[in-house]
Protein backbone atom coordinates (compact mmCIF):
# COMPACT_ATOMS: atom_id res chain seq x y z
CA UNK A 1 0.00 0.00 0.00
CA UNK A 2 1.40 3.38 -1.04
CA UNK A 3 0.54 6.55 0.83
CA UNK A 4 1.34 9.75 -1.06
CA UNK A 5 1.85 12.68 1.30
CA UNK A 6 2.34 16.44 1.34
CA UNK A 7 1.85 19.06 4.06
CA UNK A 8 1.49 22.84 4.13
CA UNK A 9 2.74 24.84 7.09
CA UNK A 10 2.65 28.35 8.55
CA UNK A 11 4.17 30.19 11.52
CA UNK A 12 2.49 29.14 14.76
CA UNK A 13 0.81 32.49 15.38
CA UNK A 14 -2.64 34.02 15.25
CA UNK A 15 -3.57 36.18 12.27
CA UNK A 16 -3.39 39.34 14.38
CA UNK A 17 0.01 38.40 15.83
CA UNK A 18 1.36 37.71 12.36
CA UNK A 19 -0.04 40.94 10.89
CA UNK A 20 1.33 43.04 13.75
CA UNK A 21 4.79 41.47 13.57
CA UNK A 22 4.90 41.68 9.77
CA UNK A 23 3.91 45.35 9.91
CA UNK A 24 6.64 46.10 12.47
CA UNK A 25 9.22 44.32 10.32
CA UNK A 26 8.24 46.46 7.34
CA UNK A 27 8.45 49.59 9.51
CA UNK A 28 11.87 48.57 10.81
CA UNK A 29 10.82 48.47 14.47
CA UNK A 30 11.06 44.66 14.62
CA UNK A 31 14.47 43.40 13.53
CA UNK A 32 16.72 40.40 13.93
CA UNK A 33 18.52 42.32 16.65
CA UNK A 34 15.55 43.77 18.56
CA UNK A 35 13.53 40.53 18.85
CA UNK A 36 15.16 37.63 16.99
CA UNK A 37 12.65 35.02 18.17
CA UNK A 38 9.63 36.88 16.77
CA UNK A 39 11.47 38.05 13.66
CA UNK A 40 12.52 34.55 12.63
CA UNK A 41 9.16 33.07 13.58
CA UNK A 42 7.52 35.36 11.03
CA UNK A 43 10.17 34.96 8.35
CA UNK A 44 11.06 31.27 8.71
CA UNK A 45 8.52 29.80 11.12
CA UNK A 46 6.81 27.74 8.44
CA UNK A 47 10.09 25.93 7.78
CA UNK A 48 10.62 24.48 11.25
CA UNK A 49 8.28 22.66 13.60
CA UNK A 50 9.38 24.62 16.66
CA UNK A 51 8.05 27.93 15.31
CA UNK A 52 5.55 26.56 12.79
CA UNK A 53 2.39 24.46 12.62
CA UNK A 54 0.72 22.15 10.12
CA UNK A 55 -2.19 23.82 8.35
CA UNK A 56 -2.96 21.19 5.68
CA UNK A 57 -2.27 17.48 5.29
CA UNK A 58 -2.89 16.08 1.81
CA UNK A 59 -2.66 12.34 1.34
CA UNK A 60 -3.67 9.67 -1.14
CA UNK A 61 -3.95 5.95 -0.47
CA UNK A 62 -2.96 3.99 -3.53
CA UNK A 63 -2.08 5.23 -6.99
CA UNK A 64 -5.72 5.64 -8.01
CA UNK A 65 -7.26 6.55 -4.67
CA UNK A 66 -8.89 9.93 -3.95
CA UNK A 67 -6.76 12.73 -2.52
CA UNK A 68 -7.94 13.65 0.96
CA UNK A 69 -7.14 16.94 2.67
CA UNK A 70 -7.23 17.67 6.39
CA UNK A 71 -7.45 21.42 6.96
CA UNK A 72 -6.41 22.99 10.26
CA UNK A 73 -8.75 25.95 9.77
CA UNK A 74 -11.76 23.61 9.79
CA UNK A 75 -10.90 22.32 13.27
CA UNK A 76 -7.41 22.70 14.77
CA UNK A 77 -3.92 21.32 14.32
CA UNK A 78 -4.26 18.63 16.96
CA UNK A 79 -7.41 17.27 15.33
CA UNK A 80 -5.90 16.88 11.85
CA UNK A 81 -2.71 15.36 13.26
CA UNK A 82 -4.77 12.87 15.27
CA UNK A 83 -6.82 11.90 12.22
CA UNK A 84 -3.75 11.41 10.06
CA UNK A 85 -2.02 9.42 12.80
CA UNK A 86 -5.03 7.13 12.76
CA UNK A 87 -4.57 6.62 9.02
CA UNK A 88 -0.94 5.68 9.57
CA UNK A 89 -1.86 3.32 12.39
CA UNK A 90 -4.44 1.47 10.24
CA UNK A 91 -2.53 1.10 7.00
CA UNK A 92 1.04 0.76 8.23
CA UNK A 93 0.29 -2.82 9.18
CA UNK A 94 -0.19 -3.74 5.52
CA UNK A 95 2.79 -5.52 4.03
CA UNK A 96 4.70 -3.29 1.58
CA UNK A 97 3.38 -0.04 3.07
CA UNK A 98 5.46 2.98 2.04
CA UNK A 99 5.16 6.75 2.16
CA UNK A 100 5.90 8.63 -1.06
CA UNK A 101 6.43 12.34 -1.63
CA UNK A 102 8.94 15.10 -2.15
CA UNK A 103 11.48 16.09 0.53
CA UNK A 104 9.76 13.87 3.08
CA UNK A 105 12.90 12.94 4.97
CA UNK A 106 14.11 16.50 5.44
CA UNK A 107 10.79 18.26 6.00
CA UNK A 108 7.35 16.61 6.07
CA UNK A 109 8.05 13.63 8.32
CA UNK A 110 10.28 15.47 10.86
CA UNK A 111 7.72 18.29 10.96
CA UNK A 112 4.84 15.90 11.59
CA UNK A 113 6.85 14.00 14.19
CA UNK A 114 7.67 17.14 16.16
CA UNK A 115 4.14 18.54 16.03
CA UNK A 116 2.63 15.20 17.05
CA UNK A 117 4.94 15.13 20.04
CA UNK A 118 3.97 18.71 20.85
CA UNK A 119 0.28 17.78 20.93
CA UNK A 120 0.80 14.43 22.72
CA UNK A 121 -0.92 12.52 19.92
CA UNK A 122 0.61 9.30 21.28
CA UNK A 123 3.65 8.18 23.24
CA UNK A 124 7.05 9.26 21.92
CA UNK A 125 8.07 5.69 21.12
CA UNK A 126 4.87 5.03 19.16
CA UNK A 127 5.10 8.26 17.14
CA UNK A 128 8.73 7.50 16.35
CA UNK A 129 7.78 4.04 15.10
CA UNK A 130 4.99 5.41 12.88
CA UNK A 131 7.00 8.22 11.28
CA UNK A 132 10.64 7.19 11.51
CA UNK A 133 11.61 3.67 12.47
CA UNK A 134 8.90 1.60 10.82
CA UNK A 135 8.55 3.56 7.60
CA UNK A 136 9.74 2.79 4.08
CA UNK A 137 10.08 6.21 2.46
CA UNK A 138 10.31 6.94 -1.26
CA UNK A 139 11.50 10.54 -1.29
CA UNK A 140 11.64 11.88 -4.84
CA UNK A 141 14.25 14.49 -3.89
CA UNK A 142 16.61 11.86 -2.48
CA UNK A 143 15.97 9.54 -5.42
CA UNK A 144 17.23 12.20 -7.85
CA UNK A 145 20.41 13.06 -5.93
CA UNK A 146 22.66 10.72 -7.98
CA UNK A 147 21.60 12.59 -11.14
CA UNK A 148 22.61 15.93 -9.64
CA UNK A 149 26.09 15.07 -8.33
CA UNK A 150 24.51 14.31 -4.93
CA UNK A 151 23.64 17.98 -4.52
CA UNK A 152 20.15 18.98 -3.34
CA UNK A 153 20.45 22.41 -4.95
CA UNK A 154 17.78 22.83 -7.61
CA UNK A 155 15.91 19.63 -6.80
CA UNK A 156 12.64 21.40 -6.10
CA UNK A 157 9.18 19.98 -6.57
CA UNK A 158 8.57 21.91 -9.79
CA UNK A 159 11.94 20.92 -11.23
CA UNK A 160 11.16 17.22 -10.97
CA UNK A 161 7.65 17.65 -12.32
CA UNK A 162 9.04 19.58 -15.28
CA UNK A 163 11.79 17.04 -15.91
CA UNK A 164 9.28 14.17 -15.97
CA UNK A 165 6.82 15.98 -18.23
CA UNK A 166 4.17 16.89 -15.66
CA UNK A 167 2.45 20.27 -15.09
CA UNK A 168 4.19 22.91 -13.03
CA UNK A 169 2.22 25.00 -10.56
CA UNK A 170 2.11 28.75 -11.14
CA UNK A 171 2.68 30.07 -7.62
CA UNK A 172 5.23 29.83 -4.86
CA UNK A 173 4.51 27.86 -1.67
CA UNK A 174 5.50 30.90 0.35
CA UNK A 175 2.41 32.73 -0.93
CA UNK A 176 0.21 30.29 0.99
CA UNK A 177 1.32 31.69 4.34
CA UNK A 178 -0.22 35.07 3.54
CA UNK A 179 -3.30 33.37 2.13
CA UNK A 180 -3.66 31.45 5.40
CA UNK A 181 -3.47 34.52 7.62
CA UNK A 182 -5.79 36.41 5.28
CA UNK A 183 -8.34 33.61 5.57
CA UNK A 184 -8.12 32.83 1.84
CA UNK A 185 -8.27 29.09 2.38
CA UNK A 186 -9.64 28.34 -1.06
CA UNK A 187 -6.38 29.57 -2.58
CA UNK A 188 -4.41 27.17 -0.39
CA UNK A 189 -6.59 24.27 -1.51
CA UNK A 190 -6.16 25.25 -5.16
CA UNK A 191 -2.42 25.40 -4.67
CA UNK A 192 -2.46 21.94 -3.09
CA UNK A 193 -4.47 20.54 -5.99
CA UNK A 194 -1.94 21.88 -8.51
CA UNK A 195 0.98 20.57 -6.49
CA UNK A 196 -0.25 17.14 -5.46
CA UNK A 197 0.87 15.08 -8.45
CA UNK A 198 3.01 12.60 -6.57
CA UNK A 199 1.13 9.50 -7.71
CA UNK A 200 1.55 10.59 -11.33
CA UNK A 201 5.23 11.38 -10.82
CA UNK A 202 5.96 8.07 -9.11
CA UNK A 203 4.08 6.15 -11.80
CA UNK A 204 6.22 7.75 -14.49
CA UNK A 205 9.39 7.04 -12.57
CA UNK A 206 8.42 3.37 -12.33
CA UNK A 207 7.20 2.92 -15.91
CA UNK A 208 9.66 5.12 -17.81
CA UNK A 209 12.63 5.04 -15.48
CA UNK A 210 14.61 7.99 -14.19
CA UNK A 211 15.34 10.92 -16.47
CA UNK A 212 18.89 11.52 -17.62
CA UNK A 213 21.27 13.79 -15.73
CA UNK A 214 21.26 16.12 -18.74
CA UNK A 215 17.48 16.36 -18.78
CA UNK A 216 17.41 17.07 -15.04
CA UNK A 217 20.07 19.75 -15.41
CA UNK A 218 18.03 21.41 -18.15
CA UNK A 219 14.95 21.35 -15.93
CA UNK A 220 16.90 22.93 -13.07
CA UNK A 221 18.11 25.73 -15.31
CA UNK A 222 14.65 26.34 -16.75
CA UNK A 223 12.95 26.47 -13.35
CA UNK A 224 15.64 28.75 -11.95
CA UNK A 225 14.92 31.14 -14.82
CA UNK A 226 11.18 30.99 -14.17
CA UNK A 227 11.70 31.52 -10.46
CA UNK A 228 13.73 34.65 -11.16
CA UNK A 229 10.90 35.91 -13.38
CA UNK A 230 8.38 35.14 -10.66
CA UNK A 231 10.38 36.88 -7.94
CA UNK A 232 10.74 39.84 -10.26
CA UNK A 233 6.98 40.13 -10.52
CA UNK A 234 6.50 38.25 -13.76
CA UNK A 235 4.88 35.19 -12.17
CA UNK A 236 5.51 31.59 -13.10
CA UNK A 237 4.45 30.79 -16.64
CA UNK A 238 2.04 28.05 -17.59
CA UNK A 239 3.70 24.94 -18.95
CA UNK A 240 2.75 21.54 -20.21
CA UNK A 241 5.70 20.20 -18.27
CA UNK A 242 7.92 19.26 -21.19
CA UNK A 243 11.51 20.43 -20.87
CA UNK A 244 13.21 21.78 -23.93
CA UNK A 245 15.72 19.53 -25.68
C-alpha atoms as a PDB file:
ATOM      1  CA  UNK A   1       0.000   0.000   0.000  1.00  0.00           C
ATOM      2  CA  UNK A   2       1.400   3.377  -1.045  1.00  0.00           C
ATOM      3  CA  UNK A   3       0.538   6.549   0.835  1.00  0.00           C
ATOM      4  CA  UNK A   4       1.342   9.748  -1.055  1.00  0.00           C
ATOM      5  CA  UNK A   5       1.853  12.682   1.297  1.00  0.00           C
ATOM      6  CA  UNK A   6       2.337  16.441   1.344  1.00  0.00           C
ATOM      7  CA  UNK A   7       1.846  19.063   4.059  1.00  0.00           C
ATOM      8  CA  UNK A   8       1.492  22.838   4.127  1.00  0.00           C
ATOM      9  CA  UNK A   9       2.737  24.839   7.092  1.00  0.00           C
ATOM     10  CA  UNK A  10       2.647  28.345   8.550  1.00  0.00           C
ATOM     11  CA  UNK A  11       4.166  30.192  11.519  1.00  0.00           C
ATOM     12  CA  UNK A  12       2.485  29.139  14.757  1.00  0.00           C
ATOM     13  CA  UNK A  13       0.806  32.493  15.376  1.00  0.00           C
ATOM     14  CA  UNK A  14      -2.639  34.024  15.254  1.00  0.00           C
ATOM     15  CA  UNK A  15      -3.570  36.182  12.267  1.00  0.00           C
ATOM     16  CA  UNK A  16      -3.391  39.344  14.385  1.00  0.00           C
ATOM     17  CA  UNK A  17       0.010  38.398  15.827  1.00  0.00           C
ATOM     18  CA  UNK A  18       1.363  37.711  12.362  1.00  0.00           C
ATOM     19  CA  UNK A  19      -0.045  40.940  10.888  1.00  0.00           C
ATOM     20  CA  UNK A  20       1.329  43.041  13.745  1.00  0.00           C
ATOM     21  CA  UNK A  21       4.790  41.471  13.571  1.00  0.00           C
ATOM     22  CA  UNK A  22       4.899  41.684   9.773  1.00  0.00           C
ATOM     23  CA  UNK A  23       3.915  45.354   9.910  1.00  0.00           C
ATOM     24  CA  UNK A  24       6.638  46.098  12.472  1.00  0.00           C
ATOM     25  CA  UNK A  25       9.225  44.316  10.321  1.00  0.00           C
ATOM     26  CA  UNK A  26       8.238  46.464   7.339  1.00  0.00           C
ATOM     27  CA  UNK A  27       8.455  49.589   9.508  1.00  0.00           C
ATOM     28  CA  UNK A  28      11.874  48.571  10.814  1.00  0.00           C
ATOM     29  CA  UNK A  29      10.820  48.470  14.473  1.00  0.00           C
ATOM     30  CA  UNK A  30      11.060  44.659  14.619  1.00  0.00           C
ATOM     31  CA  UNK A  31      14.467  43.395  13.526  1.00  0.00           C
ATOM     32  CA  UNK A  32      16.719  40.398  13.931  1.00  0.00           C
ATOM     33  CA  UNK A  33      18.520  42.317  16.652  1.00  0.00           C
ATOM     34  CA  UNK A  34      15.550  43.770  18.561  1.00  0.00           C
ATOM     35  CA  UNK A  35      13.528  40.528  18.852  1.00  0.00           C
ATOM     36  CA  UNK A  36      15.164  37.631  16.987  1.00  0.00           C
ATOM     37  CA  UNK A  37      12.647  35.023  18.166  1.00  0.00           C
ATOM     38  CA  UNK A  38       9.632  36.876  16.766  1.00  0.00           C
ATOM     39  CA  UNK A  39      11.474  38.047  13.663  1.00  0.00           C
ATOM     40  CA  UNK A  40      12.518  34.552  12.627  1.00  0.00           C
ATOM     41  CA  UNK A  41       9.159  33.074  13.578  1.00  0.00           C
ATOM     42  CA  UNK A  42       7.516  35.360  11.035  1.00  0.00           C
ATOM     43  CA  UNK A  43      10.170  34.963   8.355  1.00  0.00           C
ATOM     44  CA  UNK A  44      11.059  31.267   8.709  1.00  0.00           C
ATOM     45  CA  UNK A  45       8.523  29.801  11.115  1.00  0.00           C
ATOM     46  CA  UNK A  46       6.806  27.737   8.436  1.00  0.00           C
ATOM     47  CA  UNK A  47      10.090  25.926   7.783  1.00  0.00           C
ATOM     48  CA  UNK A  48      10.621  24.481  11.251  1.00  0.00           C
ATOM     49  CA  UNK A  49       8.275  22.656  13.601  1.00  0.00           C
ATOM     50  CA  UNK A  50       9.377  24.620  16.662  1.00  0.00           C
ATOM     51  CA  UNK A  51       8.052  27.929  15.308  1.00  0.00           C
ATOM     52  CA  UNK A  52       5.554  26.555  12.795  1.00  0.00           C
ATOM     53  CA  UNK A  53       2.391  24.464  12.617  1.00  0.00           C
ATOM     54  CA  UNK A  54       0.719  22.149  10.120  1.00  0.00           C
ATOM     55  CA  UNK A  55      -2.194  23.817   8.345  1.00  0.00           C
ATOM     56  CA  UNK A  56      -2.958  21.191   5.685  1.00  0.00           C
ATOM     57  CA  UNK A  57      -2.269  17.479   5.292  1.00  0.00           C
ATOM     58  CA  UNK A  58      -2.890  16.084   1.808  1.00  0.00           C
ATOM     59  CA  UNK A  59      -2.664  12.337   1.343  1.00  0.00           C
ATOM     60  CA  UNK A  60      -3.667   9.671  -1.135  1.00  0.00           C
ATOM     61  CA  UNK A  61      -3.948   5.954  -0.466  1.00  0.00           C
ATOM     62  CA  UNK A  62      -2.964   3.988  -3.534  1.00  0.00           C
ATOM     63  CA  UNK A  63      -2.083   5.230  -6.991  1.00  0.00           C
ATOM     64  CA  UNK A  64      -5.723   5.643  -8.011  1.00  0.00           C
ATOM     65  CA  UNK A  65      -7.265   6.549  -4.667  1.00  0.00           C
ATOM     66  CA  UNK A  66      -8.892   9.925  -3.946  1.00  0.00           C
ATOM     67  CA  UNK A  67      -6.761  12.727  -2.518  1.00  0.00           C
ATOM     68  CA  UNK A  68      -7.942  13.651   0.958  1.00  0.00           C
ATOM     69  CA  UNK A  69      -7.141  16.942   2.670  1.00  0.00           C
ATOM     70  CA  UNK A  70      -7.234  17.665   6.387  1.00  0.00           C
ATOM     71  CA  UNK A  71      -7.452  21.418   6.959  1.00  0.00           C
ATOM     72  CA  UNK A  72      -6.413  22.995  10.258  1.00  0.00           C
ATOM     73  CA  UNK A  73      -8.751  25.945   9.770  1.00  0.00           C
ATOM     74  CA  UNK A  74     -11.762  23.610   9.793  1.00  0.00           C
ATOM     75  CA  UNK A  75     -10.903  22.320  13.272  1.00  0.00           C
ATOM     76  CA  UNK A  76      -7.410  22.702  14.767  1.00  0.00           C
ATOM     77  CA  UNK A  77      -3.916  21.324  14.316  1.00  0.00           C
ATOM     78  CA  UNK A  78      -4.262  18.626  16.961  1.00  0.00           C
ATOM     79  CA  UNK A  79      -7.410  17.270  15.325  1.00  0.00           C
ATOM     80  CA  UNK A  80      -5.903  16.879  11.852  1.00  0.00           C
ATOM     81  CA  UNK A  81      -2.710  15.359  13.264  1.00  0.00           C
ATOM     82  CA  UNK A  82      -4.768  12.867  15.273  1.00  0.00           C
ATOM     83  CA  UNK A  83      -6.821  11.896  12.225  1.00  0.00           C
ATOM     84  CA  UNK A  84      -3.746  11.409  10.057  1.00  0.00           C
ATOM     85  CA  UNK A  85      -2.018   9.424  12.802  1.00  0.00           C
ATOM     86  CA  UNK A  86      -5.030   7.133  12.756  1.00  0.00           C
ATOM     87  CA  UNK A  87      -4.571   6.623   9.017  1.00  0.00           C
ATOM     88  CA  UNK A  88      -0.937   5.679   9.570  1.00  0.00           C
ATOM     89  CA  UNK A  89      -1.863   3.317  12.385  1.00  0.00           C
ATOM     90  CA  UNK A  90      -4.436   1.472  10.241  1.00  0.00           C
ATOM     91  CA  UNK A  91      -2.528   1.101   7.004  1.00  0.00           C
ATOM     92  CA  UNK A  92       1.045   0.757   8.226  1.00  0.00           C
ATOM     93  CA  UNK A  93       0.288  -2.823   9.184  1.00  0.00           C
ATOM     94  CA  UNK A  94      -0.185  -3.741   5.517  1.00  0.00           C
ATOM     95  CA  UNK A  95       2.794  -5.518   4.027  1.00  0.00           C
ATOM     96  CA  UNK A  96       4.699  -3.293   1.580  1.00  0.00           C
ATOM     97  CA  UNK A  97       3.381  -0.039   3.072  1.00  0.00           C
ATOM     98  CA  UNK A  98       5.462   2.979   2.043  1.00  0.00           C
ATOM     99  CA  UNK A  99       5.157   6.746   2.156  1.00  0.00           C
ATOM    100  CA  UNK A 100       5.896   8.627  -1.062  1.00  0.00           C
ATOM    101  CA  UNK A 101       6.426  12.336  -1.628  1.00  0.00           C
ATOM    102  CA  UNK A 102       8.938  15.097  -2.147  1.00  0.00           C
ATOM    103  CA  UNK A 103      11.483  16.091   0.525  1.00  0.00           C
ATOM    104  CA  UNK A 104       9.758  13.874   3.075  1.00  0.00           C
ATOM    105  CA  UNK A 105      12.897  12.937   4.974  1.00  0.00           C
ATOM    106  CA  UNK A 106      14.112  16.501   5.443  1.00  0.00           C
ATOM    107  CA  UNK A 107      10.789  18.261   6.002  1.00  0.00           C
ATOM    108  CA  UNK A 108       7.348  16.613   6.071  1.00  0.00           C
ATOM    109  CA  UNK A 109       8.051  13.629   8.317  1.00  0.00           C
ATOM    110  CA  UNK A 110      10.283  15.465  10.861  1.00  0.00           C
ATOM    111  CA  UNK A 111       7.721  18.290  10.963  1.00  0.00           C
ATOM    112  CA  UNK A 112       4.836  15.897  11.585  1.00  0.00           C
ATOM    113  CA  UNK A 113       6.849  13.995  14.186  1.00  0.00           C
ATOM    114  CA  UNK A 114       7.667  17.143  16.163  1.00  0.00           C
ATOM    115  CA  UNK A 115       4.138  18.537  16.032  1.00  0.00           C
ATOM    116  CA  UNK A 116       2.626  15.196  17.053  1.00  0.00           C
ATOM    117  CA  UNK A 117       4.941  15.129  20.036  1.00  0.00           C
ATOM    118  CA  UNK A 118       3.975  18.712  20.848  1.00  0.00           C
ATOM    119  CA  UNK A 119       0.285  17.776  20.934  1.00  0.00           C
ATOM    120  CA  UNK A 120       0.800  14.426  22.716  1.00  0.00           C
ATOM    121  CA  UNK A 121      -0.924  12.516  19.918  1.00  0.00           C
ATOM    122  CA  UNK A 122       0.614   9.304  21.279  1.00  0.00           C
ATOM    123  CA  UNK A 123       3.649   8.180  23.242  1.00  0.00           C
ATOM    124  CA  UNK A 124       7.048   9.261  21.921  1.00  0.00           C
ATOM    125  CA  UNK A 125       8.073   5.689  21.119  1.00  0.00           C
ATOM    126  CA  UNK A 126       4.867   5.027  19.162  1.00  0.00           C
ATOM    127  CA  UNK A 127       5.100   8.257  17.139  1.00  0.00           C
ATOM    128  CA  UNK A 128       8.734   7.496  16.348  1.00  0.00           C
ATOM    129  CA  UNK A 129       7.778   4.044  15.098  1.00  0.00           C
ATOM    130  CA  UNK A 130       4.987   5.411  12.884  1.00  0.00           C
ATOM    131  CA  UNK A 131       6.999   8.220  11.277  1.00  0.00           C
ATOM    132  CA  UNK A 132      10.643   7.190  11.513  1.00  0.00           C
ATOM    133  CA  UNK A 133      11.609   3.665  12.466  1.00  0.00           C
ATOM    134  CA  UNK A 134       8.903   1.598  10.823  1.00  0.00           C
ATOM    135  CA  UNK A 135       8.551   3.558   7.599  1.00  0.00           C
ATOM    136  CA  UNK A 136       9.739   2.785   4.084  1.00  0.00           C
ATOM    137  CA  UNK A 137      10.079   6.213   2.461  1.00  0.00           C
ATOM    138  CA  UNK A 138      10.309   6.938  -1.261  1.00  0.00           C
ATOM    139  CA  UNK A 139      11.504  10.540  -1.285  1.00  0.00           C
ATOM    140  CA  UNK A 140      11.639  11.878  -4.839  1.00  0.00           C
ATOM    141  CA  UNK A 141      14.251  14.492  -3.886  1.00  0.00           C
ATOM    142  CA  UNK A 142      16.605  11.858  -2.477  1.00  0.00           C
ATOM    143  CA  UNK A 143      15.973   9.543  -5.420  1.00  0.00           C
ATOM    144  CA  UNK A 144      17.229  12.197  -7.849  1.00  0.00           C
ATOM    145  CA  UNK A 145      20.407  13.061  -5.931  1.00  0.00           C
ATOM    146  CA  UNK A 146      22.661  10.717  -7.981  1.00  0.00           C
ATOM    147  CA  UNK A 147      21.597  12.587 -11.144  1.00  0.00           C
ATOM    148  CA  UNK A 148      22.609  15.934  -9.637  1.00  0.00           C
ATOM    149  CA  UNK A 149      26.093  15.072  -8.333  1.00  0.00           C
ATOM    150  CA  UNK A 150      24.510  14.310  -4.935  1.00  0.00           C
ATOM    151  CA  UNK A 151      23.637  17.983  -4.524  1.00  0.00           C
ATOM    152  CA  UNK A 152      20.148  18.979  -3.342  1.00  0.00           C
ATOM    153  CA  UNK A 153      20.450  22.410  -4.952  1.00  0.00           C
ATOM    154  CA  UNK A 154      17.776  22.833  -7.610  1.00  0.00           C
ATOM    155  CA  UNK A 155      15.908  19.627  -6.803  1.00  0.00           C
ATOM    156  CA  UNK A 156      12.638  21.396  -6.095  1.00  0.00           C
ATOM    157  CA  UNK A 157       9.182  19.980  -6.566  1.00  0.00           C
ATOM    158  CA  UNK A 158       8.574  21.914  -9.791  1.00  0.00           C
ATOM    159  CA  UNK A 159      11.942  20.915 -11.226  1.00  0.00           C
ATOM    160  CA  UNK A 160      11.157  17.224 -10.966  1.00  0.00           C
ATOM    161  CA  UNK A 161       7.646  17.655 -12.321  1.00  0.00           C
ATOM    162  CA  UNK A 162       9.035  19.580 -15.284  1.00  0.00           C
ATOM    163  CA  UNK A 163      11.792  17.038 -15.912  1.00  0.00           C
ATOM    164  CA  UNK A 164       9.279  14.166 -15.966  1.00  0.00           C
ATOM    165  CA  UNK A 165       6.820  15.982 -18.228  1.00  0.00           C
ATOM    166  CA  UNK A 166       4.172  16.895 -15.657  1.00  0.00           C
ATOM    167  CA  UNK A 167       2.452  20.267 -15.090  1.00  0.00           C
ATOM    168  CA  UNK A 168       4.193  22.908 -13.027  1.00  0.00           C
ATOM    169  CA  UNK A 169       2.215  25.003 -10.557  1.00  0.00           C
ATOM    170  CA  UNK A 170       2.107  28.750 -11.138  1.00  0.00           C
ATOM    171  CA  UNK A 171       2.679  30.075  -7.624  1.00  0.00           C
ATOM    172  CA  UNK A 172       5.232  29.826  -4.859  1.00  0.00           C
ATOM    173  CA  UNK A 173       4.514  27.861  -1.674  1.00  0.00           C
ATOM    174  CA  UNK A 174       5.500  30.897   0.353  1.00  0.00           C
ATOM    175  CA  UNK A 175       2.407  32.728  -0.933  1.00  0.00           C
ATOM    176  CA  UNK A 176       0.208  30.286   0.986  1.00  0.00           C
ATOM    177  CA  UNK A 177       1.319  31.689   4.337  1.00  0.00           C
ATOM    178  CA  UNK A 178      -0.216  35.067   3.543  1.00  0.00           C
ATOM    179  CA  UNK A 179      -3.304  33.367   2.129  1.00  0.00           C
ATOM    180  CA  UNK A 180      -3.664  31.454   5.396  1.00  0.00           C
ATOM    181  CA  UNK A 181      -3.474  34.519   7.618  1.00  0.00           C
ATOM    182  CA  UNK A 182      -5.794  36.413   5.282  1.00  0.00           C
ATOM    183  CA  UNK A 183      -8.337  33.609   5.570  1.00  0.00           C
ATOM    184  CA  UNK A 184      -8.118  32.835   1.841  1.00  0.00           C
ATOM    185  CA  UNK A 185      -8.272  29.086   2.383  1.00  0.00           C
ATOM    186  CA  UNK A 186      -9.636  28.343  -1.056  1.00  0.00           C
ATOM    187  CA  UNK A 187      -6.378  29.569  -2.578  1.00  0.00           C
ATOM    188  CA  UNK A 188      -4.411  27.165  -0.387  1.00  0.00           C
ATOM    189  CA  UNK A 189      -6.589  24.269  -1.511  1.00  0.00           C
ATOM    190  CA  UNK A 190      -6.164  25.246  -5.163  1.00  0.00           C
ATOM    191  CA  UNK A 191      -2.415  25.396  -4.673  1.00  0.00           C
ATOM    192  CA  UNK A 192      -2.456  21.943  -3.092  1.00  0.00           C
ATOM    193  CA  UNK A 193      -4.470  20.542  -5.989  1.00  0.00           C
ATOM    194  CA  UNK A 194      -1.944  21.882  -8.514  1.00  0.00           C
ATOM    195  CA  UNK A 195       0.981  20.570  -6.489  1.00  0.00           C
ATOM    196  CA  UNK A 196      -0.254  17.140  -5.464  1.00  0.00           C
ATOM    197  CA  UNK A 197       0.866  15.078  -8.454  1.00  0.00           C
ATOM    198  CA  UNK A 198       3.007  12.604  -6.574  1.00  0.00           C
ATOM    199  CA  UNK A 199       1.132   9.501  -7.708  1.00  0.00           C
ATOM    200  CA  UNK A 200       1.545  10.587 -11.334  1.00  0.00           C
ATOM    201  CA  UNK A 201       5.231  11.385 -10.824  1.00  0.00           C
ATOM    202  CA  UNK A 202       5.958   8.074  -9.109  1.00  0.00           C
ATOM    203  CA  UNK A 203       4.077   6.147 -11.795  1.00  0.00           C
ATOM    204  CA  UNK A 204       6.223   7.754 -14.494  1.00  0.00           C
ATOM    205  CA  UNK A 205       9.394   7.040 -12.568  1.00  0.00           C
ATOM    206  CA  UNK A 206       8.417   3.375 -12.333  1.00  0.00           C
ATOM    207  CA  UNK A 207       7.200   2.922 -15.911  1.00  0.00           C
ATOM    208  CA  UNK A 208       9.663   5.120 -17.811  1.00  0.00           C
ATOM    209  CA  UNK A 209      12.635   5.044 -15.477  1.00  0.00           C
ATOM    210  CA  UNK A 210      14.606   7.994 -14.192  1.00  0.00           C
ATOM    211  CA  UNK A 211      15.336  10.922 -16.468  1.00  0.00           C
ATOM    212  CA  UNK A 212      18.894  11.517 -17.619  1.00  0.00           C
ATOM    213  CA  UNK A 213      21.268  13.790 -15.730  1.00  0.00           C
ATOM    214  CA  UNK A 214      21.261  16.121 -18.739  1.00  0.00           C
ATOM    215  CA  UNK A 215      17.478  16.365 -18.781  1.00  0.00           C
ATOM    216  CA  UNK A 216      17.410  17.071 -15.041  1.00  0.00           C
ATOM    217  CA  UNK A 217      20.072  19.746 -15.414  1.00  0.00           C
ATOM    218  CA  UNK A 218      18.032  21.405 -18.154  1.00  0.00           C
ATOM    219  CA  UNK A 219      14.951  21.345 -15.930  1.00  0.00           C
ATOM    220  CA  UNK A 220      16.897  22.926 -13.066  1.00  0.00           C
ATOM    221  CA  UNK A 221      18.113  25.734 -15.313  1.00  0.00           C
ATOM    222  CA  UNK A 222      14.645  26.338 -16.751  1.00  0.00           C
ATOM    223  CA  UNK A 223      12.951  26.473 -13.353  1.00  0.00           C
ATOM    224  CA  UNK A 224      15.637  28.752 -11.945  1.00  0.00           C
ATOM    225  CA  UNK A 225      14.923  31.143 -14.817  1.00  0.00           C
ATOM    226  CA  UNK A 226      11.182  30.991 -14.172  1.00  0.00           C
ATOM    227  CA  UNK A 227      11.696  31.519 -10.456  1.00  0.00           C
ATOM    228  CA  UNK A 228      13.728  34.649 -11.158  1.00  0.00           C
ATOM    229  CA  UNK A 229      10.900  35.905 -13.377  1.00  0.00           C
ATOM    230  CA  UNK A 230       8.383  35.142 -10.655  1.00  0.00           C
ATOM    231  CA  UNK A 231      10.384  36.885  -7.943  1.00  0.00           C
ATOM    232  CA  UNK A 232      10.739  39.841 -10.264  1.00  0.00           C
ATOM    233  CA  UNK A 233       6.977  40.129 -10.523  1.00  0.00           C
ATOM    234  CA  UNK A 234       6.501  38.251 -13.757  1.00  0.00           C
ATOM    235  CA  UNK A 235       4.882  35.193 -12.165  1.00  0.00           C
ATOM    236  CA  UNK A 236       5.514  31.586 -13.095  1.00  0.00           C
ATOM    237  CA  UNK A 237       4.447  30.795 -16.644  1.00  0.00           C
ATOM    238  CA  UNK A 238       2.038  28.049 -17.587  1.00  0.00           C
ATOM    239  CA  UNK A 239       3.700  24.940 -18.947  1.00  0.00           C
ATOM    240  CA  UNK A 240       2.749  21.535 -20.211  1.00  0.00           C
ATOM    241  CA  UNK A 241       5.698  20.200 -18.273  1.00  0.00           C
ATOM    242  CA  UNK A 242       7.919  19.258 -21.190  1.00  0.00           C
ATOM    243  CA  UNK A 243      11.514  20.435 -20.874  1.00  0.00           C
ATOM    244  CA  UNK A 244      13.208  21.779 -23.934  1.00  0.00           C
ATOM    245  CA  UNK A 245      15.725  19.534 -25.678  1.00  0.00           C
END
